[in-house]
C-alpha cells in the first residue's frame, strides 16, 4: 500500500503531529520491507531528525508495532544500526468476501501479508440475508482460531459484497436477491454470537469489485501503473476504476457497475430488471450455459479444461464473451482513458481464450489509437488481487494511519517511555 510520506505543517497541535509522525515512521518501515529499514534511513525518507525518529521508533517498539533485529553496516564511520521491521504479530485485518456461490475469509498482518485464508463454496442465492451473513460470520470466527495461534489480533472486519453498498447497507444485490439489507449490523451480531466472550468487533463494508481493485493496486505488481479499470468476473460482473492510485467511487459510491451496461437492448432479461446486460453474455452462468456445462463446483475449471483441449463450443462461448467484454470496455476506455484494463475473478485463468476478442474490439473501437493487440494494456489480475485480501488490507490502512488508536491490539509487553519529538 503506497503512501506519500510528508510531515504535517507547524500549525497542528503536538498530539496530532506526534500521531501523524508515528504513522509516517511505521509506513516508511513497512514500505522498506523485511530487513531493509534503519533509524537513519527512515529519518532520511520522512524528513525528520534522527533523534525524533529514534523517539518515535522506541514508541512503536514499545506498543508492539515494530521489531528490531540484527545489525546493518552502511560502510560509513560510526556504530552499525539495527534493522527494523513491522511486527508479525499483533494487529490484523479481517476481510470477508460474501459472493454468490462462496465465502472467502482472509487475515492480513501489518506487512500486508495474507496470513490465514479459508474459502467455503456455498450457494447463497435465494437464502435469507441474515442466514448468509450468519454463515459468513461462522466461517470468519473459525478463521480467527488459526489467526490467534499466530498471535494475530483482529482490529476490525471489512465485508466485500456484490452489489450497491452504502452506509453499511446493501442497497441492491441482484444476484443475491438483496434489497436494503443492513449487512454490517447483521454480520456484527452474528459474529459476536459465534465468538461469545470476545466482545464486539467493528465492521465496515464495501463493494467487492472495489476491494479487488484495491488489492490489485496494493499487491498486484502494477507499478508504475496507477490508473486502471478492473473487472471481476464471477456469476456477476463487477467493475472498479482506480485513478492516480485512488478509487473513483462516484457521487453516491456506486461507480463501476459495468456488468449492467446494456450490450444488446433486446437481449436476455437480467436480474437487475433490464435486458441485454453484459452480465448476460460474459458472467459465469452465461459462459457455462453457452459452453454446455452445468453449473456446479468445478464448472469453471471444466470450462478451462475444455477450452484447452480445443472444444469448439467452449472456445466459441469464450470468444463471444470476449467480444461483448471488448465492446463495453472500449466505451469505458474512450470515456475514462485508463492506462490499463485488468481482468480478474474467473477471467484471470480464461485470458488465453478471452483476450484475442477483447483486444480486437478495443483496437477497433478505442478512438485514441493507443490500443493495439499485445501492447500490455490488457492484463490478467494477479493471484493477490482478490476482494477478501483487499478488505483485510483496507482495515490495516486505518491502523497504519493512526497506530496509537490501535495500540491495545498489539502484543502485551509493557510499553516503553519515549521522549518528545525534536
Protein backbone atom coordinates (compact mmCIF):
# COMPACT_ATOMS: atom_id res chain seq x y z
CA UNK A 1 0.00 0.00 0.00
CA UNK A 2 1.89 3.04 -1.24
CA UNK A 3 1.76 6.33 0.64
CA UNK A 4 3.02 9.87 0.25
CA UNK A 5 5.22 10.48 3.26
CA UNK A 6 5.23 14.11 4.41
CA UNK A 7 5.22 15.68 7.90
CA UNK A 8 2.35 17.92 8.96
CA UNK A 9 2.69 21.68 8.92
CA UNK A 10 3.65 23.73 12.01
CA UNK A 11 0.12 24.75 12.96
CA UNK A 12 -1.00 21.28 14.02
CA UNK A 13 -1.12 20.56 17.78
CA UNK A 14 1.57 18.39 19.38
CA UNK A 15 -0.58 15.26 19.77
CA UNK A 16 -1.74 15.41 16.16
CA UNK A 17 1.84 15.93 14.97
CA UNK A 18 3.13 13.04 17.02
CA UNK A 19 0.41 10.64 15.87
CA UNK A 20 1.00 11.66 12.27
CA UNK A 21 4.74 11.19 12.64
CA UNK A 22 4.26 7.76 14.20
CA UNK A 23 2.24 6.87 11.11
CA UNK A 24 4.97 8.25 8.84
CA UNK A 25 7.63 6.16 10.52
CA UNK A 26 5.54 2.99 10.63
CA UNK A 27 4.64 3.27 6.93
CA UNK A 28 8.25 4.04 6.00
CA UNK A 29 9.47 0.89 7.74
CA UNK A 30 6.69 -1.13 6.13
CA UNK A 31 7.49 0.11 2.64
CA UNK A 32 11.18 -0.73 3.03
CA UNK A 33 10.24 -4.38 3.54
CA UNK A 34 11.91 -7.10 5.59
CA UNK A 35 15.32 -6.17 6.95
CA UNK A 36 15.64 -3.00 4.89
CA UNK A 37 14.92 -0.17 7.35
CA UNK A 38 17.15 1.60 9.87
CA UNK A 39 16.54 4.65 12.01
CA UNK A 40 18.90 6.71 9.86
CA UNK A 41 17.28 5.52 6.65
CA UNK A 42 13.79 6.27 7.93
CA UNK A 43 14.87 9.75 9.06
CA UNK A 44 16.18 10.49 5.57
CA UNK A 45 13.00 9.15 3.98
CA UNK A 46 10.46 11.08 6.06
CA UNK A 47 12.41 14.30 6.61
CA UNK A 48 12.61 14.20 10.43
CA UNK A 49 15.73 14.38 12.60
CA UNK A 50 17.39 11.14 13.66
CA UNK A 51 16.63 11.95 17.30
CA UNK A 52 12.92 12.42 16.53
CA UNK A 53 12.77 9.19 14.52
CA UNK A 54 14.58 7.30 17.28
CA UNK A 55 11.98 8.52 19.80
CA UNK A 56 9.13 7.51 17.50
CA UNK A 57 10.68 4.12 16.80
CA UNK A 58 11.01 3.50 20.55
CA UNK A 59 7.29 4.18 20.99
CA UNK A 60 6.37 1.87 18.11
CA UNK A 61 8.63 -0.83 19.55
CA UNK A 62 7.01 -0.32 22.93
CA UNK A 63 3.46 -0.81 21.67
CA UNK A 64 4.48 -3.83 19.61
CA UNK A 65 4.13 -2.45 16.09
CA UNK A 66 7.82 -2.73 15.21
CA UNK A 67 10.55 -5.24 15.95
CA UNK A 68 14.29 -4.85 15.62
CA UNK A 69 16.96 -7.43 14.97
CA UNK A 70 20.48 -7.85 13.64
CA UNK A 71 22.91 -5.19 12.59
CA UNK A 72 23.32 -3.37 9.31
CA UNK A 73 26.55 -1.70 8.15
CA UNK A 74 26.32 1.34 5.89
CA UNK A 75 30.04 1.45 5.09
CA UNK A 76 30.30 4.79 6.90
CA UNK A 77 32.05 5.55 10.18
CA UNK A 78 30.10 5.02 13.36
CA UNK A 79 28.18 2.24 15.07
CA UNK A 80 26.16 -0.21 13.00
CA UNK A 81 22.39 0.25 13.17
CA UNK A 82 19.72 -2.29 13.99
CA UNK A 83 17.26 -3.28 11.28
CA UNK A 84 13.59 -2.52 11.80
CA UNK A 85 10.58 -4.48 10.61
CA UNK A 86 6.84 -4.28 11.19
CA UNK A 87 5.68 -6.82 13.74
CA UNK A 88 4.49 -10.21 12.51
CA UNK A 89 2.09 -10.50 15.44
CA UNK A 90 -0.42 -8.11 16.95
CA UNK A 91 -2.91 -6.05 14.90
CA UNK A 92 -4.54 -7.75 11.94
CA UNK A 93 -7.29 -7.02 9.43
CA UNK A 94 -10.15 -9.44 8.81
CA UNK A 95 -11.57 -9.46 5.28
CA UNK A 96 -14.78 -11.35 4.47
CA UNK A 97 -15.91 -11.69 0.85
CA UNK A 98 -19.52 -12.82 0.50
CA UNK A 99 -20.22 -13.76 -3.07
CA UNK A 100 -22.98 -15.59 -4.89
CA UNK A 101 -21.51 -19.08 -4.57
CA UNK A 102 -18.77 -18.82 -1.96
CA UNK A 103 -17.48 -17.06 1.14
CA UNK A 104 -13.77 -16.27 1.43
CA UNK A 105 -12.11 -15.03 4.62
CA UNK A 106 -8.62 -13.56 4.85
CA UNK A 107 -6.47 -12.31 7.73
CA UNK A 108 -3.73 -9.80 6.82
CA UNK A 109 -0.95 -8.56 9.10
CA UNK A 110 0.74 -5.15 9.31
CA UNK A 111 3.10 -6.02 6.46
CA UNK A 112 0.12 -6.75 4.20
CA UNK A 113 0.87 -10.48 4.20
CA UNK A 114 -2.02 -12.90 3.72
CA UNK A 115 -1.55 -15.00 6.87
CA UNK A 116 -4.73 -17.09 7.10
CA UNK A 117 -7.23 -17.97 4.40
CA UNK A 118 -10.43 -20.02 4.39
CA UNK A 119 -12.85 -20.37 1.47
CA UNK A 120 -16.10 -22.33 1.52
CA UNK A 121 -18.32 -22.87 -1.51
CA UNK A 122 -21.96 -22.12 -0.70
CA UNK A 123 -24.98 -21.33 -2.83
CA UNK A 124 -26.14 -18.03 -1.33
CA UNK A 125 -28.76 -17.29 -3.98
CA UNK A 126 -32.26 -17.12 -2.56
CA UNK A 127 -31.14 -17.66 1.03
CA UNK A 128 -32.31 -15.10 3.61
CA UNK A 129 -29.68 -12.38 4.04
CA UNK A 130 -29.43 -12.97 7.80
CA UNK A 131 -28.67 -16.64 7.15
CA UNK A 132 -25.98 -15.85 4.56
CA UNK A 133 -24.32 -13.32 6.86
CA UNK A 134 -24.50 -15.73 9.82
CA UNK A 135 -22.77 -18.42 7.72
CA UNK A 136 -20.08 -15.94 6.79
CA UNK A 137 -19.66 -14.89 10.42
CA UNK A 138 -19.23 -18.52 11.44
CA UNK A 139 -16.53 -19.04 8.80
CA UNK A 140 -14.81 -15.83 9.95
CA UNK A 141 -14.90 -16.96 13.58
CA UNK A 142 -13.29 -20.30 12.69
CA UNK A 143 -10.64 -18.50 10.65
CA UNK A 144 -9.72 -16.36 13.65
CA UNK A 145 -8.90 -19.51 15.64
CA UNK A 146 -5.98 -20.03 13.27
CA UNK A 147 -5.06 -16.34 13.46
CA UNK A 148 -4.89 -16.47 17.25
CA UNK A 149 -2.43 -19.36 17.03
CA UNK A 150 -0.15 -16.93 15.18
CA UNK A 151 -0.70 -14.24 17.85
CA UNK A 152 -2.69 -12.04 15.49
CA UNK A 153 -5.49 -9.88 16.87
CA UNK A 154 -8.17 -8.51 14.52
CA UNK A 155 -8.85 -4.80 14.94
CA UNK A 156 -11.89 -4.72 12.65
CA UNK A 157 -13.62 -6.62 9.88
CA UNK A 158 -14.44 -5.44 6.36
CA UNK A 159 -17.13 -7.06 4.23
CA UNK A 160 -16.74 -7.33 0.46
CA UNK A 161 -20.23 -7.52 -1.01
CA UNK A 162 -21.51 -7.94 -4.60
CA UNK A 163 -23.85 -5.02 -5.11
CA UNK A 164 -24.55 -1.38 -4.37
CA UNK A 165 -23.15 -0.79 -0.89
CA UNK A 166 -23.56 2.43 1.09
CA UNK A 167 -23.61 3.31 4.79
CA UNK A 168 -23.37 -0.30 5.95
CA UNK A 169 -26.36 -1.33 3.83
CA UNK A 170 -26.56 -3.33 0.62
CA UNK A 171 -28.95 -1.17 -1.35
CA UNK A 172 -29.27 -3.73 -4.13
CA UNK A 173 -27.53 -7.01 -4.98
CA UNK A 174 -29.49 -8.50 -7.88
CA UNK A 175 -27.74 -11.87 -8.00
CA UNK A 176 -28.28 -12.43 -4.28
CA UNK A 177 -31.80 -11.01 -4.36
CA UNK A 178 -30.94 -8.48 -1.63
CA UNK A 179 -32.55 -5.07 -1.25
CA UNK A 180 -31.77 -2.66 1.59
CA UNK A 181 -30.07 -5.27 3.76
CA UNK A 182 -28.25 -3.87 6.87
CA UNK A 183 -25.27 -6.11 6.22
CA UNK A 184 -22.85 -4.62 8.75
CA UNK A 185 -25.38 -4.80 11.59
CA UNK A 186 -26.42 -8.38 10.81
CA UNK A 187 -22.85 -9.60 10.40
CA UNK A 188 -21.66 -7.91 13.60
CA UNK A 189 -24.44 -9.53 15.64
CA UNK A 190 -23.82 -12.97 14.14
CA UNK A 191 -20.05 -12.64 14.58
CA UNK A 192 -20.44 -11.71 18.26
CA UNK A 193 -22.76 -14.70 18.77
CA UNK A 194 -20.19 -17.00 17.12
CA UNK A 195 -17.45 -15.78 19.49
CA UNK A 196 -19.03 -15.47 22.96
CA UNK A 197 -16.83 -13.70 25.47
CA UNK A 198 -14.67 -11.95 22.86
CA UNK A 199 -16.65 -8.71 22.66
CA UNK A 200 -17.79 -6.77 19.62
CA UNK A 201 -15.68 -6.11 16.53
CA UNK A 202 -16.07 -3.04 14.34
CA UNK A 203 -17.46 -3.92 10.91
CA UNK A 204 -17.42 -1.92 7.67
CA UNK A 205 -18.47 -2.84 4.14
CA UNK A 206 -17.58 -2.09 0.53
CA UNK A 207 -18.38 -3.31 -2.95
CA UNK A 208 -16.33 -6.43 -3.73
CA UNK A 209 -15.10 -5.20 -7.12
CA UNK A 210 -13.75 -2.04 -5.48
CA UNK A 211 -11.83 -4.11 -2.94
CA UNK A 212 -10.46 -6.46 -5.61
CA UNK A 213 -9.17 -3.41 -7.49
CA UNK A 214 -7.52 -2.04 -4.35
CA UNK A 215 -5.87 -5.42 -3.71
CA UNK A 216 -4.53 -5.35 -7.27
CA UNK A 217 -3.24 -1.83 -6.75
CA UNK A 218 -1.55 -2.63 -3.44
CA UNK A 219 -0.27 -6.16 -4.07
CA UNK A 220 -0.58 -6.94 -7.78
CA UNK A 221 2.71 -5.60 -9.12
CA UNK A 222 1.12 -2.98 -11.37
CA UNK A 223 3.85 -0.36 -10.80
CA UNK A 224 4.19 2.12 -12.40
CA UNK A 225 0.52 1.89 -13.46
CA UNK A 226 -1.67 3.91 -11.08
CA UNK A 227 -4.78 4.38 -13.25
CA UNK A 228 -6.63 1.29 -14.45
CA UNK A 229 -10.03 -0.25 -14.98
CA UNK A 230 -10.53 -3.52 -13.10
CA UNK A 231 -13.19 -6.09 -13.99
CA UNK A 232 -14.07 -9.00 -11.73
CA UNK A 233 -15.82 -11.88 -13.45
CA UNK A 234 -17.90 -14.16 -11.23
CA UNK A 235 -21.60 -15.03 -11.55
CA UNK A 236 -21.93 -11.27 -11.79
CA UNK A 237 -19.52 -8.87 -13.47
CA UNK A 238 -18.17 -6.09 -11.28
CA UNK A 239 -16.00 -3.14 -12.21
CA UNK A 240 -13.88 -0.52 -10.46
CA UNK A 241 -11.80 2.40 -11.66
CA UNK A 242 -8.58 3.48 -9.95
CA UNK A 243 -7.27 6.94 -10.91
CA UNK A 244 -3.83 8.06 -9.73
CA UNK A 245 -3.87 5.41 -7.03
CA UNK A 246 -7.30 6.37 -5.69
CA UNK A 247 -10.59 4.55 -6.09
CA UNK A 248 -13.17 6.51 -8.10
CA UNK A 249 -16.46 5.96 -6.25
CA UNK A 250 -18.83 8.36 -8.00
CA UNK A 251 -21.23 10.84 -6.45
CA UNK A 252 -23.10 8.20 -4.40
CA UNK A 253 -20.45 5.47 -4.13
CA UNK A 254 -21.98 3.30 -6.85
CA UNK A 255 -19.50 3.76 -9.71
CA UNK A 256 -18.26 0.67 -11.53
CA UNK A 257 -21.46 -1.31 -12.21
CA UNK A 258 -20.16 -2.30 -15.62
CA UNK A 259 -21.89 -5.67 -15.54
CA UNK A 260 -25.19 -3.86 -16.05
CA UNK A 261 -24.15 -1.84 -19.06
CA UNK A 262 -26.52 -2.87 -21.86
CA UNK A 263 -24.84 -4.63 -24.78
CA UNK A 264 -28.00 -5.55 -26.71
CA UNK A 265 -31.25 -3.75 -25.87
CA UNK A 266 -33.38 -6.75 -26.79
CA UNK A 267 -31.17 -9.29 -25.06
CA UNK A 268 -31.97 -11.67 -22.20
CA UNK A 269 -33.66 -10.39 -19.08
CA UNK A 270 -31.16 -9.59 -16.32
CA UNK A 271 -31.73 -9.97 -12.58
CA UNK A 272 -31.36 -6.19 -12.25
CA UNK A 273 -34.60 -5.81 -14.27
CA UNK A 274 -33.03 -4.60 -17.51
CA UNK A 275 -32.31 -6.55 -20.68
CA UNK A 276 -29.13 -7.42 -22.54
CA UNK A 277 -26.67 -6.50 -19.75
CA UNK A 278 -23.04 -7.51 -20.16
CA UNK A 279 -23.51 -9.99 -17.33
CA UNK A 280 -25.92 -11.96 -19.52
CA UNK A 281 -23.14 -12.60 -22.04
CA UNK A 282 -19.92 -12.62 -20.02
CA UNK A 283 -20.95 -13.64 -16.49
CA UNK A 284 -20.09 -17.08 -15.18
CA UNK A 285 -23.58 -18.54 -15.62
CA UNK A 286 -23.84 -17.22 -19.18
CA UNK A 287 -20.41 -18.60 -20.11
CA UNK A 288 -21.17 -22.06 -18.74
CA UNK A 289 -24.58 -22.14 -20.39
CA UNK A 290 -23.11 -21.18 -23.78
CA UNK A 291 -20.42 -23.84 -23.40
CA UNK A 292 -22.97 -26.55 -22.48
CA UNK A 293 -21.64 -27.04 -18.94
CA UNK A 294 -23.90 -27.42 -15.92
CA UNK A 295 -23.29 -25.06 -13.02
CA UNK A 296 -21.60 -26.92 -10.17
CA UNK A 297 -18.45 -26.91 -8.12
CA UNK A 298 -15.54 -27.10 -10.53
CA UNK A 299 -17.59 -25.98 -13.54
CA UNK A 300 -15.26 -23.08 -14.39
CA UNK A 301 -12.26 -25.42 -14.20
CA UNK A 302 -14.11 -27.74 -16.57
CA UNK A 303 -14.68 -24.83 -18.97
CA UNK A 304 -10.96 -24.08 -18.90
CA UNK A 305 -10.12 -27.77 -19.44
CA UNK A 306 -12.43 -28.00 -22.46
CA UNK A 307 -11.07 -24.77 -23.95
CA UNK A 308 -7.51 -26.02 -23.51
CA UNK A 309 -8.40 -29.25 -25.31
CA UNK A 310 -9.88 -27.26 -28.22
CA UNK A 311 -13.57 -28.00 -27.57
CA UNK A 312 -15.33 -25.89 -30.20
CA UNK A 313 -18.34 -24.98 -28.10
CA UNK A 314 -16.23 -23.86 -25.13
CA UNK A 315 -13.87 -21.84 -27.33
CA UNK A 316 -16.81 -20.20 -29.14
CA UNK A 317 -18.50 -19.30 -25.83
CA UNK A 318 -15.33 -17.61 -24.60
CA UNK A 319 -14.79 -15.77 -27.88
CA UNK A 320 -18.33 -14.40 -27.80
CA UNK A 321 -17.92 -13.31 -24.19
CA UNK A 322 -14.63 -11.65 -25.13
CA UNK A 323 -16.32 -9.68 -27.92
CA UNK A 324 -19.03 -8.45 -25.54
CA UNK A 325 -16.44 -7.53 -22.94
CA UNK A 326 -14.42 -5.69 -25.57
CA UNK A 327 -17.43 -3.67 -26.74
CA UNK A 328 -18.25 -2.46 -23.25
CA UNK A 329 -14.63 -1.92 -22.30
CA UNK A 330 -13.98 0.15 -25.43
CA UNK A 331 -16.70 2.56 -24.36
CA UNK A 332 -15.22 2.73 -20.86
CA UNK A 333 -11.70 3.29 -22.22
CA UNK A 334 -12.92 6.06 -24.53
CA UNK A 335 -14.72 7.72 -21.64
CA UNK A 336 -12.16 7.25 -18.85
CA UNK A 337 -8.76 6.80 -20.57
CA UNK A 338 -7.12 4.35 -18.14
CA UNK A 339 -3.54 3.15 -18.58
CA UNK A 340 -4.64 -0.49 -18.44
CA UNK A 341 -7.58 -2.85 -18.19
CA UNK A 342 -7.21 -5.68 -15.68
CA UNK A 343 -9.42 -8.77 -15.81
CA UNK A 344 -9.83 -10.71 -12.57
CA UNK A 345 -12.01 -13.35 -10.97
CA UNK A 346 -12.74 -16.24 -13.33
CA UNK A 347 -11.39 -14.18 -16.25
CA UNK A 348 -7.81 -14.47 -14.97
CA UNK A 349 -7.46 -18.16 -15.91
CA UNK A 350 -9.60 -17.78 -19.03
CA UNK A 351 -7.50 -14.97 -20.54
CA UNK A 352 -5.90 -17.10 -23.30
CA UNK A 353 -9.33 -17.51 -24.93
CA UNK A 354 -10.92 -14.20 -23.93
CA UNK A 355 -8.11 -11.75 -24.70
CA UNK A 356 -7.89 -12.10 -28.52
CA UNK A 357 -11.52 -11.00 -28.95
CA UNK A 358 -11.27 -8.35 -26.21
CA UNK A 359 -8.11 -6.90 -27.78
CA UNK A 360 -9.64 -6.91 -31.26
CA UNK A 361 -12.69 -4.97 -30.09
CA UNK A 362 -10.57 -2.48 -28.15
CA UNK A 363 -8.21 -1.96 -31.07
CA UNK A 364 -11.07 -1.27 -33.45
CA UNK A 365 -13.16 0.91 -31.15
CA UNK A 366 -10.80 2.98 -28.95
CA UNK A 367 -10.61 6.30 -30.77
CA UNK A 368 -7.26 7.45 -29.35
CA UNK A 369 -5.45 4.83 -31.41
CA UNK A 370 -3.38 3.97 -28.33
CA UNK A 371 -4.70 0.42 -28.17
CA UNK A 372 -3.23 -2.46 -30.14
CA UNK A 373 -3.15 -6.23 -29.56
CA UNK A 374 -0.37 -7.37 -27.28
CA UNK A 375 0.68 -3.88 -26.15
CA UNK A 376 0.39 -4.89 -22.49
CA UNK A 377 -2.54 -2.66 -21.62
CA UNK A 378 -4.90 -5.64 -21.30
CA UNK A 379 -3.77 -7.69 -18.30
CA UNK A 380 -4.84 -10.62 -16.18
CA UNK A 381 -5.08 -9.84 -12.49
CA UNK A 382 -2.52 -11.27 -10.12
CA UNK A 383 -3.33 -14.05 -7.67
CA UNK A 384 -3.09 -11.42 -4.91
CA UNK A 385 -5.82 -9.23 -6.39
CA UNK A 386 -8.89 -10.65 -4.65
CA UNK A 387 -11.61 -8.92 -2.69
CA UNK A 388 -11.10 -10.70 0.64
CA UNK A 389 -7.48 -9.61 0.78
CA UNK A 390 -8.42 -6.11 -0.31
CA UNK A 391 -10.99 -5.97 2.50
CA UNK A 392 -8.50 -7.08 5.13
CA UNK A 393 -5.86 -4.67 3.83
CA UNK A 394 -8.39 -1.82 3.90
CA UNK A 395 -8.69 -2.35 7.66
CA UNK A 396 -4.91 -2.19 8.01
CA UNK A 397 -4.70 1.16 6.21
CA UNK A 398 -6.52 2.62 9.21
CA UNK A 399 -4.03 1.03 11.61
CA UNK A 400 -1.12 2.40 9.60
CA UNK A 401 -2.74 5.84 9.58
CA UNK A 402 -3.07 6.02 13.39
CA UNK A 403 -1.16 3.28 15.24
CA UNK A 404 -1.82 4.86 18.64
CA UNK A 405 -5.55 4.25 18.26
CA UNK A 406 -4.88 0.51 17.88
CA UNK A 407 -2.08 0.08 20.44
CA UNK A 408 -4.26 -2.20 22.58
CA UNK A 409 -4.32 -4.80 19.81
CA UNK A 410 -0.54 -5.25 19.75
CA UNK A 411 1.47 -7.68 21.85
CA UNK A 412 1.02 -7.42 25.58
CA UNK A 413 4.53 -6.44 26.66
CA UNK A 414 4.86 -3.21 28.72
CA UNK A 415 5.11 0.00 26.71
CA UNK A 416 8.40 1.89 26.77
CA UNK A 417 8.57 5.54 27.67
CA UNK A 418 9.54 7.80 24.79
CA UNK A 419 10.57 11.44 24.92
CA UNK A 420 9.16 14.27 22.82
CA UNK A 421 9.94 14.70 19.13
CA UNK A 422 12.80 17.00 18.25
